[in-house]
Amino acid sequence: MNTFIGIVVEIGETKMWKSGFRTRHVVIDTGTSSSPNPIKVDCRDYDIEILDGCSINDVLEVTYHLQGRKYEGKFFTNVVSDSIRRVGQDQVPVQEETTYETNNGWFNQKTGKFEEGDPF
């Protein structure tokens, strides 16, 4: 199972296809380096409604799978959500302290808080 935690930087509009299928994207900065690392995640089904309650700068945990395809001789890879949940103080799993740097600070996974400044 692939999972990452990051900060929401953009939430797209829900797109309805002719077949009735709905999609929506969210861009999450994983903050794993000193430079921004935004990842666009395609959401379907139940995750679309979860994004209704989210805002910019919320911290989300995303479980995902990769989906590849070939189109007009070029290869594309999408990150598709399997589940999304908001991460807060009461929801952070107990584990050793892990920090995720972002371009504006860092996220302390143990405490579930976004912190300013240098974590080290």
PDB file of N, CA and C in Angstrom:
ATOM      1  N   MET A   1       0.852  -1.174   0.000  1.00  0.00           N
ATOM      2  CA  MET A   1       0.000   0.000   0.000  1.00  0.00           C
ATOM      3  C   MET A   1       0.894   1.232   0.000  1.00  0.00           C
ATOM      4  N   ASN A   2       0.643   2.167  -0.895  1.00  0.00           N
ATOM      5  CA  ASN A   2       1.419   3.397  -0.998  1.00  0.00           C
ATOM      6  C   ASN A   2       0.683   4.519  -0.303  1.00  0.00           C
ATOM      7  N   THR A   3       1.384   5.227   0.587  1.00  0.00           N
ATOM      8  CA  THR A   3       0.765   6.305   1.356  1.00  0.00           C
ATOM      9  C   THR A   3       1.739   7.461   1.478  1.00  0.00           C
ATOM     10  N   PHE A   4       1.209   8.684   1.439  1.00  0.00           N
ATOM     11  CA  PHE A   4       2.013   9.857   1.768  1.00  0.00           C
ATOM     12  C   PHE A   4       1.152  10.876   2.493  1.00  0.00           C
ATOM     13  N   ILE A   5       1.820  11.782   3.207  1.00  0.00           N
ATOM     14  CA  ILE A   5       1.157  12.862   3.936  1.00  0.00           C
ATOM     15  C   ILE A   5       1.673  14.175   3.386  1.00  0.00           C
ATOM     16  N   GLY A   6       0.779  15.126   3.209  1.00  0.00           N
ATOM     17  CA  GLY A   6       1.191  16.423   2.700  1.00  0.00           C
ATOM     18  C   GLY A   6       0.149  17.489   2.951  1.00  0.00           C
ATOM     19  N   ILE A   7       0.467  18.679   2.484  1.00  0.00           N
ATOM     20  CA  ILE A   7      -0.371  19.859   2.710  1.00  0.00           C
ATOM     21  C   ILE A   7      -1.086  20.231   1.410  1.00  0.00           C
ATOM     22  N   VAL A   8      -2.378  20.472   1.492  1.00  0.00           N
ATOM     23  CA  VAL A   8      -3.188  20.817   0.322  1.00  0.00           C
ATOM     24  C   VAL A   8      -2.800  22.200  -0.192  1.00  0.00           C
ATOM     25  N   VAL A   9      -2.478  22.267  -1.502  1.00  0.00           N
ATOM     26  CA  VAL A   9      -2.177  23.553  -2.119  1.00  0.00           C
ATOM     27  C   VAL A   9      -3.203  23.932  -3.183  1.00  0.00           C
ATOM     28  N   GLU A  10      -4.009  22.952  -3.640  1.00  0.00           N
ATOM     29  CA  GLU A  10      -5.043  23.239  -4.632  1.00  0.00           C
ATOM     30  C   GLU A  10      -6.090  22.131  -4.612  1.00  0.00           C
ATOM     31  N   ILE A  11      -7.350  22.538  -4.734  1.00  0.00           N
ATOM     32  CA  ILE A  11      -8.447  21.571  -4.852  1.00  0.00           C
ATOM     33  C   ILE A  11      -9.216  21.921  -6.110  1.00  0.00           C
ATOM     34  N   GLY A  12      -9.302  20.956  -7.034  1.00  0.00           N
ATOM     35  CA  GLY A  12      -9.984  21.199  -8.298  1.00  0.00           C
ATOM     36  C   GLY A  12     -11.495  21.054  -8.177  1.00  0.00           C
ATOM     37  N   GLU A  13     -12.170  21.452  -9.227  1.00  0.00           N
ATOM     38  CA  GLU A  13     -13.619  21.311  -9.307  1.00  0.00           C
ATOM     39  C   GLU A  13     -13.974  19.875  -9.710  1.00  0.00           C
ATOM     40  N   THR A  14     -15.140  19.432  -9.318  1.00  0.00           N
ATOM     41  CA  THR A  14     -15.612  18.103  -9.715  1.00  0.00           C
ATOM     42  C   THR A  14     -15.980  18.131 -11.190  1.00  0.00           C
ATOM     43  N   LYS A  15     -15.506  17.142 -11.924  1.00  0.00           N
ATOM     44  CA  LYS A  15     -15.787  17.035 -13.349  1.00  0.00           C
ATOM     45  C   LYS A  15     -16.704  15.839 -13.562  1.00  0.00           C
ATOM     46  N   MET A  16     -17.834  16.077 -14.239  1.00  0.00           N
ATOM     47  CA  MET A  16     -18.802  15.016 -14.525  1.00  0.00           C
ATOM     48  C   MET A  16     -18.673  14.623 -15.992  1.00  0.00           C
ATOM     49  N   TRP A  17     -18.490  13.323 -16.236  1.00  0.00           N
ATOM     50  CA  TRP A  17     -18.372  12.813 -17.593  1.00  0.00           C
ATOM     51  C   TRP A  17     -19.741  12.366 -18.097  1.00  0.00           C
ATOM     52  N   LYS A  18     -19.897  12.243 -19.395  1.00  0.00           N
ATOM     53  CA  LYS A  18     -21.176  11.834 -20.000  1.00  0.00           C
ATOM     54  C   LYS A  18     -21.686  10.516 -19.436  1.00  0.00           C
ATOM     55  N   SER A  19     -20.772   9.632 -19.091  1.00  0.00           N
ATOM     56  CA  SER A  19     -21.150   8.309 -18.577  1.00  0.00           C
ATOM     57  C   SER A  19     -21.658   8.370 -17.133  1.00  0.00           C
ATOM     58  N   GLY A  20     -21.551   9.556 -16.492  1.00  0.00           N
ATOM     59  CA  GLY A  20     -21.960   9.688 -15.098  1.00  0.00           C
ATOM     60  C   GLY A  20     -20.787   9.549 -14.132  1.00  0.00           C
ATOM     61  N   PHE A  21     -19.631   9.217 -14.663  1.00  0.00           N
ATOM     62  CA  PHE A  21     -18.405   9.076 -13.876  1.00  0.00           C
ATOM     63  C   PHE A  21     -17.917  10.457 -13.436  1.00  0.00           C
ATOM     64  N   ARG A  22     -17.509  10.576 -12.170  1.00  0.00           N
ATOM     65  CA  ARG A  22     -17.031  11.863 -11.652  1.00  0.00           C
ATOM     66  C   ARG A  22     -15.564  11.768 -11.251  1.00  0.00           C
ATOM     67  N   THR A  23     -14.820  12.859 -11.483  1.00  0.00           N
ATOM     68  CA  THR A  23     -13.425  12.944 -11.054  1.00  0.00           C
ATOM     69  C   THR A  23     -13.171  14.320 -10.450  1.00  0.00           C
ATOM     70  N   ARG A  24     -12.127  14.392  -9.659  1.00  0.00           N
ATOM     71  CA  ARG A  24     -11.711  15.658  -9.044  1.00  0.00           C
ATOM     72  C   ARG A  24     -10.242  15.491  -8.676  1.00  0.00           C
ATOM     73  N   HIS A  25      -9.479  16.563  -8.708  1.00  0.00           N
ATOM     74  CA  HIS A  25      -8.085  16.444  -8.330  1.00  0.00           C
ATOM     75  C   HIS A  25      -7.764  17.324  -7.124  1.00  0.00           C
ATOM     76  N   VAL A  26      -6.717  16.946  -6.437  1.00  0.00           N
ATOM     77  CA  VAL A  26      -6.184  17.737  -5.342  1.00  0.00           C
ATOM     78  C   VAL A  26      -4.667  17.735  -5.518  1.00  0.00           C
ATOM     79  N   VAL A  27      -4.038  18.880  -5.272  1.00  0.00           N
ATOM     80  CA  VAL A  27      -2.583  18.970  -5.340  1.00  0.00           C
ATOM     81  C   VAL A  27      -2.075  19.080  -3.912  1.00  0.00           C
ATOM     82  N   ILE A  28      -1.156  18.172  -3.574  1.00  0.00           N
ATOM     83  CA  ILE A  28      -0.630  18.086  -2.214  1.00  0.00           C
ATOM     84  C   ILE A  28       0.881  18.238  -2.249  1.00  0.00           C
ATOM     85  N   ASP A  29       1.403  19.169  -1.445  1.00  0.00           N
ATOM     86  CA  ASP A  29       2.849  19.339  -1.315  1.00  0.00           C
ATOM     87  C   ASP A  29       3.322  18.357  -0.254  1.00  0.00           C
ATOM     88  N   THR A  30       4.111  17.362  -0.666  1.00  0.00           N
ATOM     89  CA  THR A  30       4.562  16.342   0.273  1.00  0.00           C
ATOM     90  C   THR A  30       5.659  16.854   1.186  1.00  0.00           C
ATOM     91  N   GLY A  31       6.326  17.912   0.783  1.00  0.00           N
ATOM     92  CA  GLY A  31       7.323  18.517   1.649  1.00  0.00           C
ATOM     93  C   GLY A  31       8.462  17.600   2.009  1.00  0.00           C
ATOM     94  N   THR A  32       8.877  16.741   1.097  1.00  0.00           N
ATOM     95  CA  THR A  32       9.967  15.825   1.393  1.00  0.00           C
ATOM     96  C   THR A  32      11.321  16.397   1.019  1.00  0.00           C
ATOM     97  N   SER A  33      11.380  17.621   0.564  1.00  0.00           N
ATOM     98  CA  SER A  33      12.644  18.259   0.233  1.00  0.00           C
ATOM     99  C   SER A  33      12.547  19.740   0.534  1.00  0.00           C
ATOM    100  N   SER A  34      13.664  20.444   0.406  1.00  0.00           N
ATOM    101  CA  SER A  34      13.661  21.875   0.705  1.00  0.00           C
ATOM    102  C   SER A  34      12.954  22.675  -0.379  1.00  0.00           C
ATOM    103  N   SER A  35      12.743  22.084  -1.545  1.00  0.00           N
ATOM    104  CA  SER A  35      11.975  22.752  -2.588  1.00  0.00           C
ATOM    105  C   SER A  35      10.582  22.147  -2.644  1.00  0.00           C
ATOM    106  N   PRO A  36       9.601  22.897  -3.160  1.00  0.00           N
ATOM    107  CA  PRO A  36       8.237  22.374  -3.219  1.00  0.00           C
ATOM    108  C   PRO A  36       8.168  21.071  -4.009  1.00  0.00           C
ATOM    109  N   ASN A  37       7.306  20.161  -3.564  1.00  0.00           N
ATOM    110  CA  ASN A  37       7.120  18.881  -4.243  1.00  0.00           C
ATOM    111  C   ASN A  37       5.629  18.612  -4.394  1.00  0.00           C
ATOM    112  N   PRO A  38       4.946  19.410  -5.254  1.00  0.00           N
ATOM    113  CA  PRO A  38       3.501  19.235  -5.400  1.00  0.00           C
ATOM    114  C   PRO A  38       3.171  17.987  -6.212  1.00  0.00           C
ATOM    115  N   ILE A  39       2.209  17.205  -5.715  1.00  0.00           N
ATOM    116  CA  ILE A  39       1.771  15.994  -6.397  1.00  0.00           C
ATOM    117  C   ILE A  39       0.275  16.113  -6.667  1.00  0.00           C
ATOM    118  N   LYS A  40      -0.096  15.969  -7.945  1.00  0.00           N
ATOM    119  CA  LYS A  40      -1.507  16.008  -8.320  1.00  0.00           C
ATOM    120  C   LYS A  40      -2.079  14.605  -8.146  1.00  0.00           C
ATOM    121  N   VAL A  41      -3.179  14.515  -7.397  1.00  0.00           N
ATOM    122  CA  VAL A  41      -3.820  13.236  -7.123  1.00  0.00           C
ATOM    123  C   VAL A  41      -5.220  13.270  -7.729  1.00  0.00           C
ATOM    124  N   ASP A  42      -5.548  12.266  -8.544  1.00  0.00           N
ATOM    125  CA  ASP A  42      -6.881  12.144  -9.118  1.00  0.00           C
ATOM    126  C   ASP A  42      -7.770  11.403  -8.135  1.00  0.00           C
ATOM    127  N   CYS A  43      -8.939  11.966  -7.857  1.00  0.00           N
ATOM    128  CA  CYS A  43      -9.869  11.376  -6.890  1.00  0.00           C
ATOM    129  C   CYS A  43     -11.134  10.937  -7.607  1.00  0.00           C
ATOM    130  N   ARG A  44     -11.682   9.855  -7.106  1.00  0.00           N
ATOM    131  CA  ARG A  44     -12.923   9.301  -7.660  1.00  0.00           C
ATOM    132  C   ARG A  44     -13.811   8.846  -6.520  1.00  0.00           C
ATOM    133  N   ASP A  45     -15.076   8.689  -6.814  1.00  0.00           N
ATOM    134  CA  ASP A  45     -16.039   8.132  -5.870  1.00  0.00           C
ATOM    135  C   ASP A  45     -16.092   8.896  -4.553  1.00  0.00           C
ATOM    136  N   TYR A  46     -15.954   8.170  -3.444  1.00  0.00           N
ATOM    137  CA  TYR A  46     -16.136   8.732  -2.108  1.00  0.00           C
ATOM    138  C   TYR A  46     -15.152   9.862  -1.792  1.00  0.00           C
ATOM    139  N   ASP A  47     -13.936   9.796  -2.321  1.00  0.00           N
ATOM    140  CA  ASP A  47     -12.927  10.818  -2.023  1.00  0.00           C
ATOM    141  C   ASP A  47     -13.334  12.207  -2.507  1.00  0.00           C
ATOM    142  N   ILE A  48     -14.204  12.263  -3.516  1.00  0.00           N
ATOM    143  CA  ILE A  48     -14.665  13.559  -4.017  1.00  0.00           C
ATOM    144  C   ILE A  48     -15.405  14.318  -2.918  1.00  0.00           C
ATOM    145  N   GLU A  49     -16.273  13.629  -2.181  1.00  0.00           N
ATOM    146  CA  GLU A  49     -17.015  14.282  -1.098  1.00  0.00           C
ATOM    147  C   GLU A  49     -16.094  14.670   0.062  1.00  0.00           C
ATOM    148  N   ILE A  50     -15.088  13.879   0.336  1.00  0.00           N
ATOM    149  CA  ILE A  50     -14.141  14.210   1.406  1.00  0.00           C
ATOM    150  C   ILE A  50     -13.467  15.551   1.117  1.00  0.00           C
ATOM    151  N   LEU A  51     -13.168  15.805  -0.151  1.00  0.00           N
ATOM    152  CA  LEU A  51     -12.511  17.065  -0.517  1.00  0.00           C
ATOM    153  C   LEU A  51     -13.412  18.270  -0.293  1.00  0.00           C
ATOM    154  N   ASP A  52     -14.744  18.077  -0.266  1.00  0.00           N
ATOM    155  CA  ASP A  52     -15.658  19.193   0.015  1.00  0.00           C
ATOM    156  C   ASP A  52     -15.372  19.809   1.381  1.00  0.00           C
ATOM    157  N   GLY A  53     -14.951  19.002   2.339  1.00  0.00           N
ATOM    158  CA  GLY A  53     -14.669  19.490   3.684  1.00  0.00           C
ATOM    159  C   GLY A  53     -13.233  19.925   3.902  1.00  0.00           C
ATOM    160  N   CYS A  54     -12.427  19.928   2.842  1.00  0.00           N
ATOM    161  CA  CYS A  54     -11.007  20.292   2.965  1.00  0.00           C
ATOM    162  C   CYS A  54     -10.758  21.712   2.464  1.00  0.00           C
ATOM    163  N   SER A  55      -9.697  22.290   2.966  1.00  0.00           N
ATOM    164  CA  SER A  55      -9.290  23.642   2.577  1.00  0.00           C
ATOM    165  C   SER A  55      -7.801  23.656   2.272  1.00  0.00           C
ATOM    166  N   ILE A  56      -7.351  24.726   1.643  1.00  0.00           N
ATOM    167  CA  ILE A  56      -5.925  24.935   1.403  1.00  0.00           C
ATOM    168  C   ILE A  56      -5.215  24.921   2.761  1.00  0.00           C
ATOM    169  N   ASN A  57      -4.048  24.314   2.827  1.00  0.00           N
ATOM    170  CA  ASN A  57      -3.201  24.162   4.021  1.00  0.00           C
ATOM    171  C   ASN A  57      -3.658  23.056   4.973  1.00  0.00           C
ATOM    172  N   ASP A  58      -4.747  22.340   4.657  1.00  0.00           N
ATOM    173  CA  ASP A  58      -5.092  21.163   5.452  1.00  0.00           C
ATOM    174  C   ASP A  58      -4.036  20.087   5.220  1.00  0.00           C
ATOM    175  N   VAL A  59      -3.835  19.247   6.210  1.00  0.00           N
ATOM    176  CA  VAL A  59      -2.902  18.128   6.084  1.00  0.00           C
ATOM    177  C   VAL A  59      -3.714  16.871   5.797  1.00  0.00           C
ATOM    178  N   LEU A  60      -3.362  16.187   4.697  1.00  0.00           N
ATOM    179  CA  LEU A  60      -4.076  14.978   4.283  1.00  0.00           C
ATOM    180  C   LEU A  60      -3.125  13.791   4.207  1.00  0.00           C
ATOM    181  N   GLU A  61      -3.667  12.620   4.501  1.00  0.00           N
ATOM    182  CA  GLU A  61      -2.961  11.371   4.265  1.00  0.00           C
ATOM    183  C   GLU A  61      -3.646  10.704   3.075  1.00  0.00           C
ATOM    184  N   VAL A  62      -2.866  10.353   2.066  1.00  0.00           N
ATOM    185  CA  VAL A  62      -3.406   9.776   0.838  1.00  0.00           C
ATOM    186  C   VAL A  62      -2.840   8.375   0.637  1.00  0.00           C
ATOM    187  N   THR A  63      -3.723   7.414   0.455  1.00  0.00           N
ATOM    188  CA  THR A  63      -3.338   6.073   0.024  1.00  0.00           C
ATOM    189  C   THR A  63      -3.671   6.028  -1.462  1.00  0.00           C
ATOM    190  N   TYR A  64      -2.731   5.548  -2.273  1.00  0.00           N
ATOM    191  CA  TYR A  64      -2.895   5.689  -3.716  1.00  0.00           C
ATOM    192  C   TYR A  64      -2.329   4.491  -4.482  1.00  0.00           C
ATOM    193  N   HIS A  65      -2.647   4.452  -5.769  1.00  0.00           N
ATOM    194  CA  HIS A  65      -2.000   3.540  -6.711  1.00  0.00           C
ATOM    195  C   HIS A  65      -1.652   4.338  -7.961  1.00  0.00           C
ATOM    196  N   LEU A  66      -0.697   3.833  -8.715  1.00  0.00           N
ATOM    197  CA  LEU A  66      -0.293   4.487  -9.962  1.00  0.00           C
ATOM    198  C   LEU A  66      -1.049   3.848 -11.121  1.00  0.00           C
ATOM    199  N   GLN A  67      -1.449   4.690 -12.057  1.00  0.00           N
ATOM    200  CA  GLN A  67      -2.173   4.203 -13.230  1.00  0.00           C
ATOM    201  C   GLN A  67      -1.484   4.775 -14.466  1.00  0.00           C
ATOM    202  N   GLY A  68      -1.019   3.913 -15.349  1.00  0.00           N
ATOM    203  CA  GLY A  68      -0.314   4.358 -16.545  1.00  0.00           C
ATOM    204  C   GLY A  68      -1.117   4.092 -17.800  1.00  0.00           C
ATOM    205  N   ARG A  69      -0.807   4.870 -18.839  1.00  0.00           N
ATOM    206  CA  ARG A  69      -1.468   4.662 -20.128  1.00  0.00           C
ATOM    207  C   ARG A  69      -0.602   5.248 -21.237  1.00  0.00           C
ATOM    208  N   LYS A  70      -0.869   4.802 -22.443  1.00  0.00           N
ATOM    209  CA  LYS A  70      -0.185   5.321 -23.622  1.00  0.00           C
ATOM    210  C   LYS A  70      -1.215   6.073 -24.451  1.00  0.00           C
ATOM    211  N   TYR A  71      -0.880   7.289 -24.869  1.00  0.00           N
ATOM    212  CA  TYR A  71      -1.790   8.108 -25.664  1.00  0.00           C
ATOM    213  C   TYR A  71      -0.970   8.823 -26.730  1.00  0.00           C
ATOM    214  N   GLU A  72      -1.327   8.593 -27.979  1.00  0.00           N
ATOM    215  CA  GLU A  72      -0.651   9.192 -29.132  1.00  0.00           C
ATOM    216  C   GLU A  72       0.862   9.024 -29.054  1.00  0.00           C
ATOM    217  N   GLY A  73       1.290   7.821 -28.704  1.00  0.00           N
ATOM    218  CA  GLY A  73       2.710   7.497 -28.685  1.00  0.00           C
ATOM    219  C   GLY A  73       3.471   7.980 -27.466  1.00  0.00           C
ATOM    220  N   LYS A  74       2.782   8.616 -26.515  1.00  0.00           N
ATOM    221  CA  LYS A  74       3.432   9.096 -25.288  1.00  0.00           C
ATOM    222  C   LYS A  74       2.858   8.345 -24.093  1.00  0.00           C
ATOM    223  N   PHE A  75       3.684   8.195 -23.070  1.00  0.00           N
ATOM    224  CA  PHE A  75       3.269   7.493 -21.867  1.00  0.00           C
ATOM    225  C   PHE A  75       2.955   8.492 -20.753  1.00  0.00           C
ATOM    226  N   PHE A  76       1.877   8.225 -20.019  1.00  0.00           N
ATOM    227  CA  PHE A  76       1.440   9.080 -18.931  1.00  0.00           C
ATOM    228  C   PHE A  76       1.221   8.245 -17.680  1.00  0.00           C
ATOM    229  N   THR A  77       1.494   8.833 -16.526  1.00  0.00           N
ATOM    230  CA  THR A  77       1.264   8.171 -15.245  1.00  0.00           C
ATOM    231  C   THR A  77       0.420   9.079 -14.374  1.00  0.00           C
ATOM    232  N   ASN A  78      -0.631   8.534 -13.793  1.00  0.00           N
ATOM    233  CA  ASN A  78      -1.487   9.280 -12.877  1.00  0.00           C
ATOM    234  C   ASN A  78      -1.371   8.681 -11.476  1.00  0.00           C
ATOM    235  N   VAL A  79      -1.477   9.549 -10.480  1.00  0.00           N
ATOM    236  CA  VAL A  79      -1.570   9.119  -9.085  1.00  0.00           C
ATOM    237  C   VAL A  79      -3.061   9.142  -8.759  1.00  0.00           C
ATOM    238  N   VAL A  80      -3.625   7.971  -8.440  1.00  0.00           N
ATOM    239  CA  VAL A  80      -5.067   7.850  -8.205  1.00  0.00           C
ATOM    240  C   VAL A  80      -5.304   7.467  -6.744  1.00  0.00           C
ATOM    241  N   SER A  81      -6.151   8.225  -6.062  1.00  0.00           N
ATOM    242  CA  SER A  81      -6.400   7.963  -4.643  1.00  0.00           C
ATOM    243  C   SER A  81      -7.212   6.692  -4.440  1.00  0.00           C
ATOM    244  N   ASP A  82      -6.838   5.927  -3.425  1.00  0.00           N
ATOM    245  CA  ASP A  82      -7.643   4.810  -2.951  1.00  0.00           C
ATOM    246  C   ASP A  82      -8.420   5.250  -1.720  1.00  0.00           C
ATOM    247  N   SER A  83      -7.801   6.134  -0.916  1.00  0.00           N
ATOM    248  CA  SER A  83      -8.489   6.729   0.230  1.00  0.00           C
ATOM    249  C   SER A  83      -7.752   8.007   0.628  1.00  0.00           C
ATOM    250  N   ILE A  84      -8.513   8.939   1.170  1.00  0.00           N
ATOM    251  CA  ILE A  84      -7.970  10.206   1.662  1.00  0.00           C
ATOM    252  C   ILE A  84      -8.563  10.449   3.035  1.00  0.00           C
ATOM    253  N   ARG A  85      -7.727  10.936   3.943  1.00  0.00           N
ATOM    254  CA  ARG A  85      -8.262  11.337   5.246  1.00  0.00           C
ATOM    255  C   ARG A  85      -7.500  12.555   5.747  1.00  0.00           C
ATOM    256  N   ARG A  86      -8.228  13.394   6.436  1.00  0.00           N
ATOM    257  CA  ARG A  86      -7.608  14.561   7.061  1.00  0.00           C
ATOM    258  C   ARG A  86      -6.824  14.092   8.273  1.00  0.00           C
ATOM    259  N   VAL A  87      -5.653  14.644   8.455  1.00  0.00           N
ATOM    260  CA  VAL A  87      -4.795  14.272   9.570  1.00  0.00           C
ATOM    261  C   VAL A  87      -4.816  15.410  10.581  1.00  0.00           C
ATOM    262  N   GLY A  88      -5.165  15.070  11.815  1.00  0.00           N
ATOM    263  CA  GLY A  88      -5.168  16.047  12.896  1.00  0.00           C
ATOM    264  C   GLY A  88      -4.539  15.425  14.119  1.00  0.00           C
ATOM    265  N   GLN A  89      -4.466  16.171  15.187  1.00  0.00           N
ATOM    266  CA  GLN A  89      -3.830  15.685  16.409  1.00  0.00           C
ATOM    267  C   GLN A  89      -4.407  14.357  16.871  1.00  0.00           C
ATOM    268  N   ASP A  90      -5.720  14.212  16.790  1.00  0.00           N
ATOM    269  CA  ASP A  90      -6.362  13.007  17.301  1.00  0.00           C
ATOM    270  C   ASP A  90      -6.289  11.831  16.335  1.00  0.00           C
ATOM    271  N   GLN A  91      -5.890  12.082  15.071  1.00  0.00           N
ATOM    272  CA  GLN A  91      -5.921  11.035  14.064  1.00  0.00           C
ATOM    273  C   GLN A  91      -4.548  10.518  13.665  1.00  0.00           C
ATOM    274  N   VAL A  92      -3.484  11.134  14.152  1.00  0.00           N
ATOM    275  CA  VAL A  92      -2.147  10.736  13.736  1.00  0.00           C
ATOM    276  C   VAL A  92      -1.789   9.392  14.358  1.00  0.00           C
ATOM    277  N   PRO A  93      -1.383   8.406  13.546  1.00  0.00           N
ATOM    278  CA  PRO A  93      -1.018   7.111  14.098  1.00  0.00           C
ATOM    279  C   PRO A  93       0.205   7.223  15.005  1.00  0.00           C
ATOM    280  N   VAL A  94       0.263   6.402  16.038  1.00  0.00           N
ATOM    281  CA  VAL A  94       1.401   6.406  16.944  1.00  0.00           C
ATOM    282  C   VAL A  94       2.562   5.711  16.258  1.00  0.00           C
ATOM    283  N   GLN A  95       3.658   6.427  16.102  1.00  0.00           N
ATOM    284  CA  GLN A  95       4.869   5.887  15.506  1.00  0.00           C
ATOM    285  C   GLN A  95       6.018   6.800  15.874  1.00  0.00           C
ATOM    286  N   GLU A  96       7.216   6.427  15.455  1.00  0.00           N
ATOM    287  CA  GLU A  96       8.327   7.286  15.805  1.00  0.00           C
ATOM    288  C   GLU A  96       8.166   8.630  15.118  1.00  0.00           C
ATOM    289  N   GLU A  97       8.796   9.646  15.687  1.00  0.00           N
ATOM    290  CA  GLU A  97       8.645  10.991  15.168  1.00  0.00           C
ATOM    291  C   GLU A  97       9.229  11.085  13.767  1.00  0.00           C
ATOM    292  N   THR A  98       8.418  11.582  12.852  1.00  0.00           N
ATOM    293  CA  THR A  98       8.833  11.778  11.477  1.00  0.00           C
ATOM    294  C   THR A  98       8.459  13.187  11.079  1.00  0.00           C
ATOM    295  N   THR A  99       9.344  13.865  10.376  1.00  0.00           N
ATOM    296  CA  THR A  99       9.036  15.207   9.918  1.00  0.00           C
ATOM    297  C   THR A  99       8.993  15.229   8.405  1.00  0.00           C
ATOM    298  N   TYR A 100       8.126  16.066   7.863  1.00  0.00           N
ATOM    299  CA  TYR A 100       8.004  16.272   6.442  1.00  0.00           C
ATOM    300  C   TYR A 100       8.207  17.752   6.182  1.00  0.00           C
ATOM    301  N   GLU A 101       9.326  18.106   5.562  1.00  0.00           N
ATOM    302  CA  GLU A 101       9.587  19.503   5.277  1.00  0.00           C
ATOM    303  C   GLU A 101       8.714  19.963   4.116  1.00  0.00           C
ATOM    304  N   THR A 102       8.305  21.229   4.160  1.00  0.00           N
ATOM    305  CA  THR A 102       7.597  21.835   3.034  1.00  0.00           C
ATOM    306  C   THR A 102       8.295  23.141   2.722  1.00  0.00           C
ATOM    307  N   ASN A 103       7.814  23.835   1.715  1.00  0.00           N
ATOM    308  CA  ASN A 103       8.435  25.102   1.361  1.00  0.00           C
ATOM    309  C   ASN A 103       8.134  26.183   2.391  1.00  0.00           C
ATOM    310  N   ASN A 104       7.203  25.957   3.312  1.00  0.00           N
ATOM    311  CA  ASN A 104       6.856  26.964   4.310  1.00  0.00           C
ATOM    312  C   ASN A 104       7.173  26.530   5.737  1.00  0.00           C
ATOM    313  N   GLY A 105       7.701  25.346   5.913  1.00  0.00           N
ATOM    314  CA  GLY A 105       7.949  24.846   7.259  1.00  0.00           C
ATOM    315  C   GLY A 105       8.012  23.342   7.229  1.00  0.00           C
ATOM    316  N   TRP A 106       7.404  22.682   8.224  1.00  0.00           N
ATOM    317  CA  TRP A 106       7.450  21.225   8.266  1.00  0.00           C
ATOM    318  C   TRP A 106       6.265  20.673   9.032  1.00  0.00           C
ATOM    319  N   PHE A 107       5.940  19.422   8.744  1.00  0.00           N
ATOM    320  CA  PHE A 107       4.833  18.739   9.401  1.00  0.00           C
ATOM    321  C   PHE A 107       5.403  17.662  10.306  1.00  0.00           C
ATOM    322  N   ASN A 108       5.078  17.725  11.585  1.00  0.00           N
ATOM    323  CA  ASN A 108       5.526  16.741  12.552  1.00  0.00           C
ATOM    324  C   ASN A 108       4.450  15.676  12.647  1.00  0.00           C
ATOM    325  N   GLN A 109       4.737  14.477  12.125  1.00  0.00           N
ATOM    326  CA  GLN A 109       3.729  13.418  12.063  1.00  0.00           C
ATOM    327  C   GLN A 109       3.356  12.919  13.451  1.00  0.00           C
ATOM    328  N   LYS A 110       4.273  12.940  14.381  1.00  0.00           N
ATOM    329  CA  LYS A 110       3.972  12.429  15.722  1.00  0.00           C
ATOM    330  C   LYS A 110       2.956  13.308  16.440  1.00  0.00           C
ATOM    331  N   THR A 111       3.144  14.639  16.336  1.00  0.00           N
ATOM    332  CA  THR A 111       2.223  15.548  17.017  1.00  0.00           C
ATOM    333  C   THR A 111       1.033  15.927  16.145  1.00  0.00           C
ATOM    334  N   GLY A 112       1.159  15.725  14.822  1.00  0.00           N
ATOM    335  CA  GLY A 112       0.072  16.083  13.914  1.00  0.00           C
ATOM    336  C   GLY A 112      -0.050  17.570  13.691  1.00  0.00           C
ATOM    337  N   LYS A 113       1.070  18.313  13.875  1.00  0.00           N
ATOM    338  CA  LYS A 113       1.019  19.759  13.719  1.00  0.00           C
ATOM    339  C   LYS A 113       1.963  20.222  12.620  1.00  0.00           C
ATOM    340  N   PHE A 114       1.539  21.287  11.918  1.00  0.00           N
ATOM    341  CA  PHE A 114       2.383  21.960  10.959  1.00  0.00           C
ATOM    342  C   PHE A 114       3.158  23.024  11.720  1.00  0.00           C
ATOM    343  N   GLU A 115       4.472  23.016  11.578  1.00  0.00           N
ATOM    344  CA  GLU A 115       5.323  23.913  12.359  1.00  0.00           C
ATOM    345  C   GLU A 115       6.143  24.797  11.443  1.00  0.00           C
ATOM    346  N   GLU A 116       6.415  26.009  11.877  1.00  0.00           N
ATOM    347  CA  GLU A 116       7.241  26.952  11.131  1.00  0.00           C
ATOM    348  C   GLU A 116       8.705  26.734  11.485  1.00  0.00           C
ATOM    349  N   GLY A 117       9.595  27.175  10.597  1.00  0.00           N
ATOM    350  CA  GLY A 117      11.018  27.140  10.893  1.00  0.00           C
ATOM    351  C   GLY A 117      11.679  25.829  10.533  1.00  0.00           C
ATOM    352  N   ASP A 118      12.905  25.674  10.975  1.00  0.00           N
ATOM    353  CA  ASP A 118      13.731  24.515  10.665  1.00  0.00           C
ATOM    354  C   ASP A 118      13.519  23.425  11.708  1.00  0.00           C
ATOM    355  N   PRO A 119      13.178  22.198  11.293  1.00  0.00           N
ATOM    356  CA  PRO A 119      12.904  21.148  12.266  1.00  0.00           C
ATOM    357  C   PRO A 119      14.151  20.579  12.918  1.00  0.00           C
ATOM    358  N   PHE A 120      15.337  20.946  12.436  1.00  0.00           N
ATOM    359  CA  PHE A 120      16.548  20.334  12.963  1.00  0.00           C
ATOM    360  C   PHE A 120      17.369  21.298  13.721  1.00  0.00           C
TER     361      PHE A 120
END
